Amino acid sequence: LARDFPVQLDWLPYDLDLADFMGSARVDDTGRVL
């Protein structure tokens, strides 16, 4: 967008609470659910 148009990109962080809507899980290197 900044390459193709005269715009300024204002980058900001937004801290997602993924566990709130996707649940949570932990897996090992093989993909086995711990």
PDB file of all heavy atoms in Angstrom:
ATOM      1  N   LEU A   1       0.843  -1.205   0.000  1.00  0.00           N
ATOM      2  CA  LEU A   1       0.000   0.000   0.000  1.00  0.00           C
ATOM      3  C   LEU A   1       0.876   1.252   0.000  1.00  0.00           C
ATOM      4  O   LEU A   1       0.619   2.211  -0.732  1.00  0.00           O
ATOM      5  CB  LEU A   1      -0.919   0.012   1.221  1.00  0.00           C
ATOM      6  CG  LEU A   1      -2.012  -1.043   1.310  1.00  0.00           C
ATOM      7  CD1 LEU A   1      -2.769  -0.884   2.626  1.00  0.00           C
ATOM      8  CD2 LEU A   1      -2.976  -0.956   0.135  1.00  0.00           C
ATOM      9  N   ALA A   2       1.915   1.231   0.856  1.00  0.00           N
ATOM     10  CA  ALA A   2       2.806   2.381   0.936  1.00  0.00           C
ATOM     11  C   ALA A   2       3.654   2.523  -0.320  1.00  0.00           C
ATOM     12  O   ALA A   2       4.090   3.628  -0.664  1.00  0.00           O
ATOM     13  CB  ALA A   2       3.694   2.263   2.168  1.00  0.00           C
ATOM     14  N   ARG A   3       3.894   1.412  -0.996  1.00  0.00           N
ATOM     15  CA  ARG A   3       4.649   1.461  -2.253  1.00  0.00           C
ATOM     16  C   ARG A   3       3.806   2.061  -3.375  1.00  0.00           C
ATOM     17  O   ARG A   3       4.318   2.816  -4.213  1.00  0.00           O
ATOM     18  CB  ARG A   3       5.089   0.041  -2.641  1.00  0.00           C
ATOM     19  CG  ARG A   3       5.887  -0.067  -3.927  1.00  0.00           C
ATOM     20  CD  ARG A   3       5.922  -1.493  -4.426  1.00  0.00           C
ATOM     21  NE  ARG A   3       4.587  -1.939  -4.867  1.00  0.00           N
ATOM     22  CZ  ARG A   3       4.293  -3.203  -5.157  1.00  0.00           C
ATOM     23  NH1 ARG A   3       5.203  -4.154  -5.008  1.00  0.00           N
ATOM     24  NH2 ARG A   3       3.065  -3.510  -5.555  1.00  0.00           N
ATOM     25  N   ASP A   4       2.526   1.744  -3.385  1.00  0.00           N
ATOM     26  CA  ASP A   4       1.674   2.094  -4.525  1.00  0.00           C
ATOM     27  C   ASP A   4       0.864   3.376  -4.340  1.00  0.00           C
ATOM     28  O   ASP A   4       0.330   3.904  -5.315  1.00  0.00           O
ATOM     29  CB  ASP A   4       0.712   0.939  -4.817  1.00  0.00           C
ATOM     30  CG  ASP A   4       1.447  -0.336  -5.218  1.00  0.00           C
ATOM     31  OD1 ASP A   4       2.604  -0.242  -5.656  1.00  0.00           O
ATOM     32  OD2 ASP A   4       0.844  -1.427  -5.084  1.00  0.00           O
ATOM     33  N   PHE A   5       0.755   3.848  -3.089  1.00  0.00           N
ATOM     34  CA  PHE A   5      -0.063   5.035  -2.816  1.00  0.00           C
ATOM     35  C   PHE A   5       0.681   5.965  -1.867  1.00  0.00           C
ATOM     36  O   PHE A   5       1.540   5.522  -1.093  1.00  0.00           O
ATOM     37  CB  PHE A   5      -1.402   4.639  -2.188  1.00  0.00           C
ATOM     38  CG  PHE A   5      -2.264   3.743  -3.041  1.00  0.00           C
ATOM     39  CD1 PHE A   5      -2.219   2.364  -2.884  1.00  0.00           C
ATOM     40  CD2 PHE A   5      -3.110   4.279  -4.000  1.00  0.00           C
ATOM     41  CE1 PHE A   5      -3.017   1.537  -3.667  1.00  0.00           C
ATOM     42  CE2 PHE A   5      -3.903   3.470  -4.786  1.00  0.00           C
ATOM     43  CZ  PHE A   5      -3.853   2.093  -4.619  1.00  0.00           C
ATOM     44  N   PRO A   6       0.341   7.249  -1.881  1.00  0.00           N
ATOM     45  CA  PRO A   6       0.947   8.191  -0.937  1.00  0.00           C
ATOM     46  C   PRO A   6       0.293   8.067   0.439  1.00  0.00           C
ATOM     47  O   PRO A   6      -0.529   8.903   0.836  1.00  0.00           O
ATOM     48  CB  PRO A   6       0.679   9.553  -1.582  1.00  0.00           C
ATOM     49  CG  PRO A   6      -0.596   9.355  -2.345  1.00  0.00           C
ATOM     50  CD  PRO A   6      -0.548   7.938  -2.853  1.00  0.00           C
ATOM     51  N   VAL A   7       0.639   6.996   1.138  1.00  0.00           N
ATOM     52  CA  VAL A   7       0.050   6.759   2.452  1.00  0.00           C
ATOM     53  C   VAL A   7       1.151   6.519   3.481  1.00  0.00           C
ATOM     54  O   VAL A   7       2.265   6.106   3.149  1.00  0.00           O
ATOM     55  CB  VAL A   7      -0.913   5.546   2.453  1.00  0.00           C
ATOM     56  CG1 VAL A   7      -2.081   5.771   1.522  1.00  0.00           C
ATOM     57  CG2 VAL A   7      -0.187   4.263   2.134  1.00  0.00           C
ATOM     58  N   GLN A   8       0.801   6.759   4.721  1.00  0.00           N
ATOM     59  CA  GLN A   8       1.655   6.459   5.856  1.00  0.00           C
ATOM     60  C   GLN A   8       1.034   5.283   6.604  1.00  0.00           C
ATOM     61  O   GLN A   8      -0.146   5.312   6.959  1.00  0.00           O
ATOM     62  CB  GLN A   8       1.742   7.673   6.793  1.00  0.00           C
ATOM     63  CG  GLN A   8       2.582   7.439   8.038  1.00  0.00           C
ATOM     64  CD  GLN A   8       4.059   7.351   7.743  1.00  0.00           C
ATOM     65  OE1 GLN A   8       4.563   8.074   6.894  1.00  0.00           O
ATOM     66  NE2 GLN A   8       4.749   6.459   8.424  1.00  0.00           N
ATOM     67  N   LEU A   9       1.811   4.223   6.799  1.00  0.00           N
ATOM     68  CA  LEU A   9       1.330   3.072   7.566  1.00  0.00           C
ATOM     69  C   LEU A   9       1.638   3.295   9.044  1.00  0.00           C
ATOM     70  O   LEU A   9       2.788   3.549   9.411  1.00  0.00           O
ATOM     71  CB  LEU A   9       1.998   1.785   7.090  1.00  0.00           C
ATOM     72  CG  LEU A   9       1.783   1.382   5.634  1.00  0.00           C
ATOM     73  CD1 LEU A   9       2.532   0.089   5.323  1.00  0.00           C
ATOM     74  CD2 LEU A   9       0.306   1.228   5.312  1.00  0.00           C
ATOM     75  N   ASP A  10       0.621   3.199   9.861  1.00  0.00           N
ATOM     76  CA  ASP A  10       0.775   3.348  11.302  1.00  0.00           C
ATOM     77  C   ASP A  10       0.604   1.971  11.941  1.00  0.00           C
ATOM     78  O   ASP A  10      -0.518   1.504  12.168  1.00  0.00           O
ATOM     79  CB  ASP A  10      -0.271   4.333  11.849  1.00  0.00           C
ATOM     80  CG  ASP A  10      -0.113   4.589  13.333  1.00  0.00           C
ATOM     81  OD1 ASP A  10       0.985   4.318  13.872  1.00  0.00           O
ATOM     82  OD2 ASP A  10      -1.072   5.076  13.961  1.00  0.00           O
ATOM     83  N   TRP A  11       1.739   1.297  12.206  1.00  0.00           N
ATOM     84  CA  TRP A  11       1.714  -0.062  12.737  1.00  0.00           C
ATOM     85  C   TRP A  11       1.489  -0.023  14.240  1.00  0.00           C
ATOM     86  O   TRP A  11       2.196   0.669  14.970  1.00  0.00           O
ATOM     87  CB  TRP A  11       3.033  -0.774  12.449  1.00  0.00           C
ATOM     88  CG  TRP A  11       3.296  -0.987  10.994  1.00  0.00           C
ATOM     89  CD1 TRP A  11       3.908  -0.138  10.126  1.00  0.00           C
ATOM     90  CD2 TRP A  11       2.936  -2.144  10.232  1.00  0.00           C
ATOM     91  NE1 TRP A  11       3.961  -0.684   8.867  1.00  0.00           N
ATOM     92  CE2 TRP A  11       3.374  -1.919   8.902  1.00  0.00           C
ATOM     93  CE3 TRP A  11       2.297  -3.346  10.541  1.00  0.00           C
ATOM     94  CZ2 TRP A  11       3.189  -2.852   7.885  1.00  0.00           C
ATOM     95  CZ3 TRP A  11       2.118  -4.282   9.532  1.00  0.00           C
ATOM     96  CH2 TRP A  11       2.557  -4.032   8.226  1.00  0.00           C
ATOM     97  N   LEU A  12       0.511  -0.801  14.707  1.00  0.00           N
ATOM     98  CA  LEU A  12       0.205  -0.865  16.126  1.00  0.00           C
ATOM     99  C   LEU A  12      -0.064  -2.318  16.535  1.00  0.00           C
ATOM    100  O   LEU A  12      -0.607  -3.101  15.749  1.00  0.00           O
ATOM    101  CB  LEU A  12      -1.024  -0.010  16.456  1.00  0.00           C
ATOM    102  CG  LEU A  12      -0.842   1.507  16.355  1.00  0.00           C
ATOM    103  CD1 LEU A  12      -2.188   2.202  16.509  1.00  0.00           C
ATOM    104  CD2 LEU A  12       0.144   2.014  17.398  1.00  0.00           C
ATOM    105  N   PRO A  13       0.307  -2.669  17.761  1.00  0.00           N
ATOM    106  CA  PRO A  13       0.032  -4.028  18.232  1.00  0.00           C
ATOM    107  C   PRO A  13      -1.366  -4.146  18.809  1.00  0.00           C
ATOM    108  O   PRO A  13      -1.902  -3.196  19.386  1.00  0.00           O
ATOM    109  CB  PRO A  13       1.085  -4.222  19.331  1.00  0.00           C
ATOM    110  CG  PRO A  13       1.288  -2.845  19.888  1.00  0.00           C
ATOM    111  CD  PRO A  13       1.097  -1.883  18.725  1.00  0.00           C
ATOM    112  N   TYR A  14      -1.949  -5.337  18.626  1.00  0.00           N
ATOM    113  CA  TYR A  14      -3.190  -5.660  19.314  1.00  0.00           C
ATOM    114  C   TYR A  14      -3.010  -7.056  19.908  1.00  0.00           C
ATOM    115  O   TYR A  14      -2.775  -8.028  19.182  1.00  0.00           O
ATOM    116  CB  TYR A  14      -4.394  -5.640  18.377  1.00  0.00           C
ATOM    117  CG  TYR A  14      -5.683  -5.960  19.109  1.00  0.00           C
ATOM    118  CD1 TYR A  14      -6.215  -5.054  20.021  1.00  0.00           C
ATOM    119  CD2 TYR A  14      -6.328  -7.179  18.931  1.00  0.00           C
ATOM    120  CE1 TYR A  14      -7.360  -5.346  20.729  1.00  0.00           C
ATOM    121  CE2 TYR A  14      -7.483  -7.484  19.635  1.00  0.00           C
ATOM    122  CZ  TYR A  14      -7.998  -6.561  20.544  1.00  0.00           C
ATOM    123  OH  TYR A  14      -9.135  -6.866  21.260  1.00  0.00           O
ATOM    124  N   ASP A  15      -3.084  -7.151  21.213  1.00  0.00           N
ATOM    125  CA  ASP A  15      -2.810  -8.391  21.941  1.00  0.00           C
ATOM    126  C   ASP A  15      -4.040  -9.291  21.923  1.00  0.00           C
ATOM    127  O   ASP A  15      -4.982  -9.084  22.681  1.00  0.00           O
ATOM    128  CB  ASP A  15      -2.392  -8.054  23.382  1.00  0.00           C
ATOM    129  CG  ASP A  15      -1.979  -9.285  24.164  1.00  0.00           C
ATOM    130  OD1 ASP A  15      -1.619 -10.304  23.537  1.00  0.00           O
ATOM    131  OD2 ASP A  15      -1.994  -9.220  25.412  1.00  0.00           O
ATOM    132  N   LEU A  16      -4.003 -10.285  21.047  1.00  0.00           N
ATOM    133  CA  LEU A  16      -5.134 -11.207  20.909  1.00  0.00           C
ATOM    134  C   LEU A  16      -5.248 -12.146  22.103  1.00  0.00           C
ATOM    135  O   LEU A  16      -4.246 -12.686  22.568  1.00  0.00           O
ATOM    136  CB  LEU A  16      -4.965 -12.068  19.651  1.00  0.00           C
ATOM    137  CG  LEU A  16      -5.139 -11.408  18.289  1.00  0.00           C
ATOM    138  CD1 LEU A  16      -4.734 -12.398  17.196  1.00  0.00           C
ATOM    139  CD2 LEU A  16      -6.572 -10.967  18.091  1.00  0.00           C
ATOM    140  N   ASP A  17      -6.449 -12.377  22.555  1.00  0.00           N
ATOM    141  CA  ASP A  17      -6.718 -13.408  23.561  1.00  0.00           C
ATOM    142  C   ASP A  17      -7.226 -14.634  22.806  1.00  0.00           C
ATOM    143  O   ASP A  17      -8.424 -14.894  22.727  1.00  0.00           O
ATOM    144  CB  ASP A  17      -7.749 -12.912  24.576  1.00  0.00           C
ATOM    145  CG  ASP A  17      -7.985 -13.917  25.695  1.00  0.00           C
ATOM    146  OD1 ASP A  17      -7.354 -14.997  25.676  1.00  0.00           O
ATOM    147  OD2 ASP A  17      -8.815 -13.627  26.571  1.00  0.00           O
ATOM    148  N   LEU A  18      -6.287 -15.390  22.221  1.00  0.00           N
ATOM    149  CA  LEU A  18      -6.672 -16.519  21.374  1.00  0.00           C
ATOM    150  C   LEU A  18      -7.425 -17.592  22.137  1.00  0.00           C
ATOM    151  O   LEU A  18      -8.345 -18.218  21.610  1.00  0.00           O
ATOM    152  CB  LEU A  18      -5.431 -17.122  20.711  1.00  0.00           C
ATOM    153  CG  LEU A  18      -4.744 -16.270  19.647  1.00  0.00           C
ATOM    154  CD1 LEU A  18      -3.503 -16.984  19.123  1.00  0.00           C
ATOM    155  CD2 LEU A  18      -5.698 -15.967  18.502  1.00  0.00           C
ATOM    156  N   ALA A  19      -7.019 -17.824  23.379  1.00  0.00           N
ATOM    157  CA  ALA A  19      -7.674 -18.878  24.154  1.00  0.00           C
ATOM    158  C   ALA A  19      -9.147 -18.576  24.383  1.00  0.00           C
ATOM    159  O   ALA A  19      -9.952 -19.485  24.580  1.00  0.00           O
ATOM    160  CB  ALA A  19      -6.960 -19.065  25.494  1.00  0.00           C
ATOM    161  N   ASP A  20      -9.510 -17.303  24.321  1.00  0.00           N
ATOM    162  CA  ASP A  20     -10.888 -16.910  24.588  1.00  0.00           C
ATOM    163  C   ASP A  20     -11.843 -17.449  23.521  1.00  0.00           C
ATOM    164  O   ASP A  20     -12.985 -17.803  23.827  1.00  0.00           O
ATOM    165  CB  ASP A  20     -10.981 -15.381  24.661  1.00  0.00           C
ATOM    166  CG  ASP A  20     -12.364 -14.902  25.042  1.00  0.00           C
ATOM    167  OD1 ASP A  20     -12.910 -15.408  26.042  1.00  0.00           O
ATOM    168  OD2 ASP A  20     -12.905 -14.036  24.338  1.00  0.00           O
ATOM    169  N   PHE A  21     -11.370 -17.502  22.255  1.00  0.00           N
ATOM    170  CA  PHE A  21     -12.283 -17.959  21.209  1.00  0.00           C
ATOM    171  C   PHE A  21     -11.788 -19.174  20.442  1.00  0.00           C
ATOM    172  O   PHE A  21     -12.546 -19.782  19.700  1.00  0.00           O
ATOM    173  CB  PHE A  21     -12.589 -16.811  20.223  1.00  0.00           C
ATOM    174  CG  PHE A  21     -11.418 -16.302  19.452  1.00  0.00           C
ATOM    175  CD1 PHE A  21     -11.151 -16.764  18.179  1.00  0.00           C
ATOM    176  CD2 PHE A  21     -10.597 -15.337  19.990  1.00  0.00           C
ATOM    177  CE1 PHE A  21     -10.064 -16.280  17.469  1.00  0.00           C
ATOM    178  CE2 PHE A  21      -9.514 -14.843  19.281  1.00  0.00           C
ATOM    179  CZ  PHE A  21      -9.251 -15.312  18.016  1.00  0.00           C
ATOM    180  N   MET A  22     -10.508 -19.563  20.642  1.00  0.00           N
ATOM    181  CA  MET A  22      -9.980 -20.741  19.957  1.00  0.00           C
ATOM    182  C   MET A  22      -9.641 -21.874  20.921  1.00  0.00           C
ATOM    183  O   MET A  22      -9.207 -22.936  20.497  1.00  0.00           O
ATOM    184  CB  MET A  22      -8.722 -20.373  19.166  1.00  0.00           C
ATOM    185  CG  MET A  22      -8.948 -19.335  18.084  1.00  0.00           C
ATOM    186  SD  MET A  22      -9.875 -19.976  16.681  1.00  0.00           S
ATOM    187  CE  MET A  22      -8.560 -20.709  15.719  1.00  0.00           C
ATOM    188  N   GLY A  23      -9.825 -21.631  22.227  1.00  0.00           N
ATOM    189  CA  GLY A  23      -9.395 -22.623  23.194  1.00  0.00           C
ATOM    190  C   GLY A  23      -7.879 -22.627  23.295  1.00  0.00           C
ATOM    191  O   GLY A  23      -7.186 -21.866  22.628  1.00  0.00           O
ATOM    192  N   SER A  24      -7.343 -23.503  24.131  1.00  0.00           N
ATOM    193  CA  SER A  24      -5.890 -23.578  24.282  1.00  0.00           C
ATOM    194  C   SER A  24      -5.449 -25.036  24.212  1.00  0.00           C
ATOM    195  O   SER A  24      -6.212 -25.958  24.512  1.00  0.00           O
ATOM    196  CB  SER A  24      -5.439 -22.962  25.612  1.00  0.00           C
ATOM    197  OG  SER A  24      -5.982 -23.688  26.711  1.00  0.00           O
ATOM    198  N   ALA A  25      -4.194 -25.221  23.804  1.00  0.00           N
ATOM    199  CA  ALA A  25      -3.626 -26.554  23.728  1.00  0.00           C
ATOM    200  C   ALA A  25      -2.112 -26.435  23.699  1.00  0.00           C
ATOM    201  O   ALA A  25      -1.560 -25.397  23.342  1.00  0.00           O
ATOM    202  CB  ALA A  25      -4.116 -27.291  22.480  1.00  0.00           C
ATOM    203  N   ARG A  26      -1.449 -27.538  24.054  1.00  0.00           N
ATOM    204  CA  ARG A  26       0.009 -27.610  23.968  1.00  0.00           C
ATOM    205  C   ARG A  26       0.371 -28.953  23.368  1.00  0.00           C
ATOM    206  O   ARG A  26      -0.154 -29.992  23.781  1.00  0.00           O
ATOM    207  CB  ARG A  26       0.631 -27.440  25.359  1.00  0.00           C
ATOM    208  CG  ARG A  26       2.151 -27.322  25.365  1.00  0.00           C
ATOM    209  CD  ARG A  26       2.651 -26.817  26.722  1.00  0.00           C
ATOM    210  NE  ARG A  26       2.324 -27.763  27.775  1.00  0.00           N
ATOM    211  CZ  ARG A  26       3.121 -28.790  28.133  1.00  0.00           C
ATOM    212  NH1 ARG A  26       4.261 -29.016  27.502  1.00  0.00           N
ATOM    213  NH2 ARG A  26       2.749 -29.593  29.107  1.00  0.00           N
ATOM    214  N   VAL A  27       1.250 -28.917  22.354  1.00  0.00           N
ATOM    215  CA  VAL A  27       1.653 -30.148  21.676  1.00  0.00           C
ATOM    216  C   VAL A  27       3.168 -30.246  21.676  1.00  0.00           C
ATOM    217  O   VAL A  27       3.884 -29.259  21.877  1.00  0.00           O
ATOM    218  CB  VAL A  27       1.126 -30.187  20.222  1.00  0.00           C
ATOM    219  CG1 VAL A  27      -0.388 -30.095  20.194  1.00  0.00           C
ATOM    220  CG2 VAL A  27       1.743 -29.075  19.383  1.00  0.00           C
ATOM    221  N   ASP A  28       3.682 -31.486  21.424  1.00  0.00           N
ATOM    222  CA  ASP A  28       5.131 -31.651  21.339  1.00  0.00           C
ATOM    223  C   ASP A  28       5.592 -31.507  19.896  1.00  0.00           C
ATOM    224  O   ASP A  28       4.805 -31.143  19.004  1.00  0.00           O
ATOM    225  CB  ASP A  28       5.567 -33.000  21.939  1.00  0.00           C
ATOM    226  CG  ASP A  28       4.979 -34.200  21.201  1.00  0.00           C
ATOM    227  OD1 ASP A  28       4.534 -34.042  20.031  1.00  0.00           O
ATOM    228  OD2 ASP A  28       4.969 -35.302  21.770  1.00  0.00           O
ATOM    229  N   ASP A  29       6.873 -31.798  19.636  1.00  0.00           N
ATOM    230  CA  ASP A  29       7.434 -31.606  18.294  1.00  0.00           C
ATOM    231  C   ASP A  29       6.806 -32.512  17.246  1.00  0.00           C
ATOM    232  O   ASP A  29       6.864 -32.224  16.050  1.00  0.00           O
ATOM    233  CB  ASP A  29       8.947 -31.845  18.312  1.00  0.00           C
ATOM    234  CG  ASP A  29       9.689 -30.734  19.045  1.00  0.00           C
ATOM    235  OD1 ASP A  29       9.123 -29.631  19.145  1.00  0.00           O
ATOM    236  OD2 ASP A  29      10.815 -30.974  19.514  1.00  0.00           O
ATOM    237  N   THR A  30       6.190 -33.599  17.681  1.00  0.00           N
ATOM    238  CA  THR A  30       5.570 -34.535  16.733  1.00  0.00           C
ATOM    239  C   THR A  30       4.104 -34.204  16.485  1.00  0.00           C
ATOM    240  O   THR A  30       3.455 -34.848  15.654  1.00  0.00           O
ATOM    241  CB  THR A  30       5.682 -35.985  17.245  1.00  0.00           C
ATOM    242  OG1 THR A  30       4.852 -36.139  18.413  1.00  0.00           O
ATOM    243  CG2 THR A  30       7.126 -36.344  17.584  1.00  0.00           C
ATOM    244  N   GLY A  31       3.575 -33.235  17.223  1.00  0.00           N
ATOM    245  CA  GLY A  31       2.165 -32.895  17.092  1.00  0.00           C
ATOM    246  C   GLY A  31       1.281 -33.604  18.093  1.00  0.00           C
ATOM    247  O   GLY A  31       0.055 -33.430  18.082  1.00  0.00           O
ATOM    248  N   ARG A  32       1.871 -34.429  18.989  1.00  0.00           N
ATOM    249  CA  ARG A  32       1.087 -35.131  19.999  1.00  0.00           C
ATOM    250  C   ARG A  32       0.574 -34.139  21.027  1.00  0.00           C
ATOM    251  O   ARG A  32       1.320 -33.312  21.534  1.00  0.00           O
ATOM    252  CB  ARG A  32       1.940 -36.200  20.679  1.00  0.00           C
ATOM    253  CG  ARG A  32       1.195 -37.041  21.721  1.00  0.00           C
ATOM    254  CD  ARG A  32       2.061 -38.195  22.180  1.00  0.00           C
ATOM    255  NE  ARG A  32       3.277 -37.732  22.804  1.00  0.00           N
ATOM    256  CZ  ARG A  32       3.416 -37.513  24.117  1.00  0.00           C
ATOM    257  NH1 ARG A  32       2.395 -37.719  24.941  1.00  0.00           N
ATOM    258  NH2 ARG A  32       4.571 -37.097  24.613  1.00  0.00           N
ATOM    259  N   VAL A  33      -0.719 -34.209  21.327  1.00  0.00           N
ATOM    260  CA  VAL A  33      -1.333 -33.268  22.258  1.00  0.00           C
ATOM    261  C   VAL A  33      -0.925 -33.613  23.682  1.00  0.00           C
ATOM    262  O   VAL A  33      -1.154 -34.726  24.162  1.00  0.00           O
ATOM    263  CB  VAL A  33      -2.872 -33.288  22.122  1.00  0.00           C
ATOM    264  CG1 VAL A  33      -3.493 -32.355  23.151  1.00  0.00           C
ATOM    265  CG2 VAL A  33      -3.284 -32.884  20.713  1.00  0.00           C
ATOM    266  N   LEU A  34      -0.333 -32.651  24.373  1.00  0.00           N
ATOM    267  CA  LEU A  34       0.076 -32.842  25.756  1.00  0.00           C
ATOM    268  C   LEU A  34      -1.007 -32.389  26.718  1.00  0.00           C
ATOM    269  O   LEU A  34      -1.199 -32.987  27.776  1.00  0.00           O
ATOM    270  CB  LEU A  34       1.373 -32.077  26.026  1.00  0.00           C
ATOM    271  CG  LEU A  34       2.570 -32.457  25.136  1.00  0.00           C
ATOM    272  CD1 LEU A  34       3.766 -31.572  25.462  1.00  0.00           C
ATOM    273  CD2 LEU A  34       2.923 -33.930  25.308  1.00  0.00           C
TER     274      LEU A  34
END
